[in-house]
Amino acid sequence: MAFDWSFVQRYAPFFVNGTLMTVFISVFGILLAIAVGLVCAGVEIARVPVARQIVRAYIELSRNTPLLVQLYFLYFGLPKLGVVWSAETCAIVGLGFLGGSYMAEAMRGGLESVPKVQRETAYVLGLTPVQSITRVVLPQAISTAVPGLVANVIFLFKESSVVSAIALADVMYMAKDLIGMYYSTYESLFMLVVAYLVILLPISILGTWLERRFDYARR
């Protein structure tokens, strides 16, 4: 069967709308994941007795259950408890819940890579705890954590394809919908691949640039 370019031209606007929804859900989910990751990494580094065990339990639960199961719990399970969220909210919270554990581990690794002697030296030189963190610890920790953080961002963008399971009209939903209605599998998958490349390729290039820049600064 010949590739139908007219089908691509006719339904490309639908994929644009789906791509915008994917970007919207992913960006807010990633921001939530970063916030959760910062809190969890801080708790682990500070070794807060009870909170640290809670964080470890959350990380294990989040990383060892599929995103689809988490979304089903949020979208279908919570209403049984009287909590009703929109599909968009469930998708953002689901991505944030999943991504928070991965972000926490990447941030924790970055913070732990900074030798303790450097913090002690900063105190000896007269820096306050805040100055020690912002001027000594964080710049080095970020340079170490950047590769993991960028990989997690790309991972969460790709994981967002699962949100179509809760009837959210993202780019994956559009592809499955068109395939089901018109059986134009090749054309729909072509537009799906292009949509993800448009989203992820710039992020990958930016991530590579950031890694090189921070690695150069560290040297």
Protein backbone atom coordinates (compact mmCIF):
# COMPACT_ATOMS: atom_id res chain seq x y z
CA MET A 1 0.00 0.00 0.00
CA ALA A 2 1.35 3.43 -0.99
CA PHE A 3 2.03 6.00 1.68
CA ASP A 4 -0.84 8.53 1.71
CA TRP A 5 0.66 11.98 2.13
CA SER A 6 -2.76 13.61 1.76
CA PHE A 7 -3.84 11.79 4.94
CA VAL A 8 -0.83 13.23 6.76
CA GLN A 9 -1.65 16.75 5.57
CA ARG A 10 -5.30 16.38 6.52
CA TYR A 11 -4.76 15.07 10.05
CA ALA A 12 -1.47 16.75 11.00
CA PRO A 13 -3.38 19.51 12.92
CA PHE A 14 -4.82 16.79 15.21
CA PHE A 15 -1.28 15.66 16.01
CA VAL A 16 -0.26 19.24 16.71
CA ASN A 17 -3.03 19.47 19.32
CA GLY A 18 -2.00 16.10 20.74
CA THR A 19 1.63 17.19 20.87
CA LEU A 20 0.70 20.34 22.78
CA MET A 21 -1.22 18.24 25.29
CA THR A 22 1.76 15.90 25.66
CA VAL A 23 4.10 18.83 26.26
CA PHE A 24 1.67 20.41 28.75
CA ILE A 25 1.27 17.23 30.79
CA SER A 26 4.96 16.36 30.65
CA VAL A 27 6.29 19.81 31.59
CA PHE A 28 4.09 20.15 34.66
CA GLY A 29 4.69 16.52 35.61
CA ILE A 30 8.46 17.02 35.35
CA LEU A 31 8.31 20.23 37.42
CA LEU A 32 6.39 18.34 40.10
CA ALA A 33 8.91 15.49 39.91
CA ILE A 34 11.82 17.91 40.39
CA ALA A 35 10.11 19.47 43.42
CA VAL A 36 9.43 16.04 44.94
CA GLY A 37 12.96 14.91 44.11
CA LEU A 38 14.51 17.94 45.83
CA VAL A 39 12.55 17.33 49.01
CA CYS A 40 13.32 13.61 49.05
CA ALA A 41 17.02 14.12 48.29
CA GLY A 42 17.23 16.72 51.06
CA VAL A 43 15.60 14.35 53.56
CA GLU A 44 17.99 11.55 52.63
CA ILE A 45 21.08 13.75 52.81
CA ALA A 46 19.98 15.22 56.14
CA ARG A 47 19.25 11.67 57.40
CA VAL A 48 16.03 12.68 59.14
CA PRO A 49 15.15 9.51 61.10
CA VAL A 50 11.45 8.78 60.36
CA ALA A 51 11.14 10.90 57.22
CA ARG A 52 14.07 9.08 55.62
CA GLN A 53 12.31 5.70 55.96
CA ILE A 54 9.14 7.19 54.47
CA VAL A 55 11.12 8.57 51.53
CA ARG A 56 12.83 5.20 50.93
CA ALA A 57 9.44 3.44 51.00
CA TYR A 58 8.05 5.99 48.51
CA ILE A 59 11.02 5.56 46.17
CA GLU A 60 10.71 1.78 46.19
CA LEU A 61 6.94 1.92 45.64
CA SER A 62 7.22 4.47 42.84
CA ARG A 63 10.05 2.78 40.97
CA ASN A 64 8.66 -0.74 41.25
CA THR A 65 5.09 -0.12 40.07
CA PRO A 66 4.17 0.72 36.46
CA LEU A 67 2.96 4.20 35.64
CA LEU A 68 -0.18 2.68 34.14
CA VAL A 69 -1.11 1.13 37.50
CA GLN A 70 -0.49 4.44 39.25
CA LEU A 71 -2.69 6.27 36.73
CA TYR A 72 -5.48 3.73 37.12
CA PHE A 73 -5.36 4.18 40.88
CA LEU A 74 -5.56 7.98 40.56
CA TYR A 75 -8.23 8.05 37.85
CA PHE A 76 -10.41 5.06 38.78
CA GLY A 77 -9.46 4.31 42.39
CA LEU A 78 -9.57 7.73 44.05
CA PRO A 79 -13.21 8.41 43.04
CA LYS A 80 -14.16 5.39 45.18
CA LEU A 81 -12.67 7.34 48.10
CA GLY A 82 -14.54 10.49 47.16
CA VAL A 83 -11.59 12.19 45.44
CA VAL A 84 -12.29 13.06 41.80
CA TRP A 85 -9.54 14.56 39.65
CA SER A 86 -9.53 15.44 35.97
CA ALA A 87 -7.55 13.30 33.54
CA GLU A 88 -5.01 16.11 33.20
CA THR A 89 -4.49 16.33 36.96
CA CYS A 90 -4.15 12.56 37.27
CA ALA A 91 -1.57 12.50 34.48
CA ILE A 92 0.50 15.31 36.02
CA VAL A 93 0.38 13.79 39.51
CA GLY A 94 1.17 10.34 38.12
CA LEU A 95 4.22 11.58 36.23
CA GLY A 96 5.30 13.61 39.26
CA PHE A 97 4.91 10.59 41.55
CA LEU A 98 6.91 8.33 39.23
CA GLY A 99 9.53 10.91 38.28
CA GLY A 100 10.05 12.19 41.81
CA SER A 101 11.78 8.99 42.85
CA TYR A 102 14.14 9.03 39.86
CA MET A 103 14.90 12.73 40.33
CA ALA A 104 15.55 12.13 44.04
CA GLU A 105 18.13 9.44 43.31
CA ALA A 106 19.88 11.59 40.69
CA MET A 107 19.99 14.59 43.04
CA ARG A 108 21.10 12.50 45.99
CA GLY A 109 23.94 11.07 43.92
CA GLY A 110 25.02 14.56 42.92
CA LEU A 111 24.97 15.87 46.49
CA GLU A 112 26.83 12.87 47.86
CA SER A 113 29.53 13.24 45.20
CA VAL A 114 30.74 16.47 46.83
CA PRO A 115 33.45 15.57 49.39
CA LYS A 116 32.54 16.45 52.97
CA VAL A 117 35.91 18.14 53.41
CA GLN A 118 34.86 20.86 50.96
CA ARG A 119 31.89 21.81 53.11
CA GLU A 120 34.08 21.82 56.19
CA THR A 121 36.62 24.01 54.40
CA ALA A 122 33.86 26.43 53.43
CA TYR A 123 32.85 26.77 57.09
CA VAL A 124 36.48 27.37 58.09
CA LEU A 125 36.74 30.13 55.48
CA GLY A 126 33.79 31.89 57.09
CA LEU A 127 30.96 30.97 54.73
CA THR A 128 27.53 30.58 56.25
CA PRO A 129 25.67 27.25 55.79
CA VAL A 130 23.54 28.82 53.04
CA GLN A 131 26.58 30.24 51.26
CA SER A 132 28.35 26.90 51.59
CA ILE A 133 25.46 25.12 49.90
CA THR A 134 24.81 27.67 47.13
CA ARG A 135 28.46 28.49 46.28
CA VAL A 136 30.32 25.26 46.99
CA VAL A 137 28.02 22.24 47.15
CA LEU A 138 25.28 22.92 44.58
CA PRO A 139 27.53 23.94 41.62
CA GLN A 140 29.48 20.68 41.93
CA ALA A 141 26.41 18.57 42.69
CA ILE A 142 24.53 19.92 39.66
CA SER A 143 27.44 19.15 37.33
CA THR A 144 27.37 15.54 38.53
CA ALA A 145 23.58 15.22 38.50
CA VAL A 146 22.93 16.81 35.08
CA PRO A 147 23.30 13.60 33.01
CA GLY A 148 20.87 11.75 35.26
CA LEU A 149 18.41 14.64 35.38
CA VAL A 150 18.38 15.02 31.59
CA ALA A 151 17.89 11.27 31.16
CA ASN A 152 14.97 11.41 33.60
CA VAL A 153 13.36 14.31 31.74
CA ILE A 154 13.51 12.38 28.46
CA PHE A 155 12.26 9.24 30.25
CA LEU A 156 9.23 11.09 31.64
CA PHE A 157 8.38 12.63 28.27
CA LYS A 158 8.32 9.14 26.77
CA GLU A 159 6.39 7.71 29.71
CA SER A 160 3.69 10.32 29.11
CA SER A 161 2.52 8.16 26.19
CA VAL A 162 0.75 5.98 28.80
CA VAL A 163 -1.69 8.75 29.78
CA SER A 164 -3.83 7.97 26.74
CA ALA A 165 -5.11 5.01 28.79
CA ILE A 166 -7.20 7.42 30.89
CA ALA A 167 -8.79 9.04 27.82
CA LEU A 168 -6.42 11.99 27.69
CA ALA A 169 -6.09 13.30 24.13
CA ASP A 170 -2.30 13.31 23.90
CA VAL A 171 -0.30 12.49 20.78
CA MET A 172 -0.47 8.73 21.42
CA TYR A 173 -4.23 8.91 21.81
CA MET A 174 -4.49 10.68 18.44
CA ALA A 175 -2.41 7.99 16.74
CA LYS A 176 -4.46 5.12 18.18
CA ASP A 177 -7.69 6.94 17.36
CA LEU A 178 -6.78 7.48 13.69
CA ILE A 179 -5.52 3.91 13.30
CA GLY A 180 -8.77 2.59 14.75
CA MET A 181 -10.99 4.74 12.55
CA TYR A 182 -9.16 4.75 9.20
CA TYR A 183 -6.65 1.86 9.45
CA SER A 184 -3.94 4.26 8.25
CA THR A 185 -1.27 2.66 10.40
CA TYR A 186 1.84 3.79 8.55
CA GLU A 187 0.73 7.40 8.23
CA SER A 188 -0.41 7.64 11.86
CA LEU A 189 2.79 6.07 13.20
CA PHE A 190 4.86 8.34 10.96
CA MET A 191 3.20 11.42 12.46
CA LEU A 192 3.61 9.94 15.94
CA VAL A 193 7.35 9.43 15.46
CA VAL A 194 7.75 12.95 14.03
CA ALA A 195 5.86 14.42 17.00
CA TYR A 196 8.12 12.72 19.54
CA LEU A 197 11.23 13.70 17.60
CA VAL A 198 10.10 17.33 17.59
CA ILE A 199 9.68 17.16 21.36
CA LEU A 200 12.66 15.07 22.40
CA LEU A 201 15.43 15.90 19.94
CA PRO A 202 15.87 19.51 21.15
CA ILE A 203 15.87 18.27 24.77
CA SER A 204 18.51 15.67 23.95
CA ILE A 205 20.70 18.24 22.18
CA LEU A 206 20.29 20.72 25.05
CA GLY A 207 21.11 18.00 27.55
CA THR A 208 24.30 17.05 25.71
CA TRP A 209 25.35 20.70 25.62
CA LEU A 210 24.66 21.11 29.35
CA GLU A 211 26.64 17.97 30.19
CA ARG A 212 29.65 19.19 28.22
CA ARG A 213 29.41 22.69 29.69
CA PHE A 214 29.21 21.50 33.30
CA ASP A 215 31.92 18.91 32.71
CA TYR A 216 34.18 21.61 31.26
CA ALA A 217 33.43 23.93 34.21
CA ARG A 218 34.21 21.14 36.67
CA ARG A 219 37.62 20.62 35.10
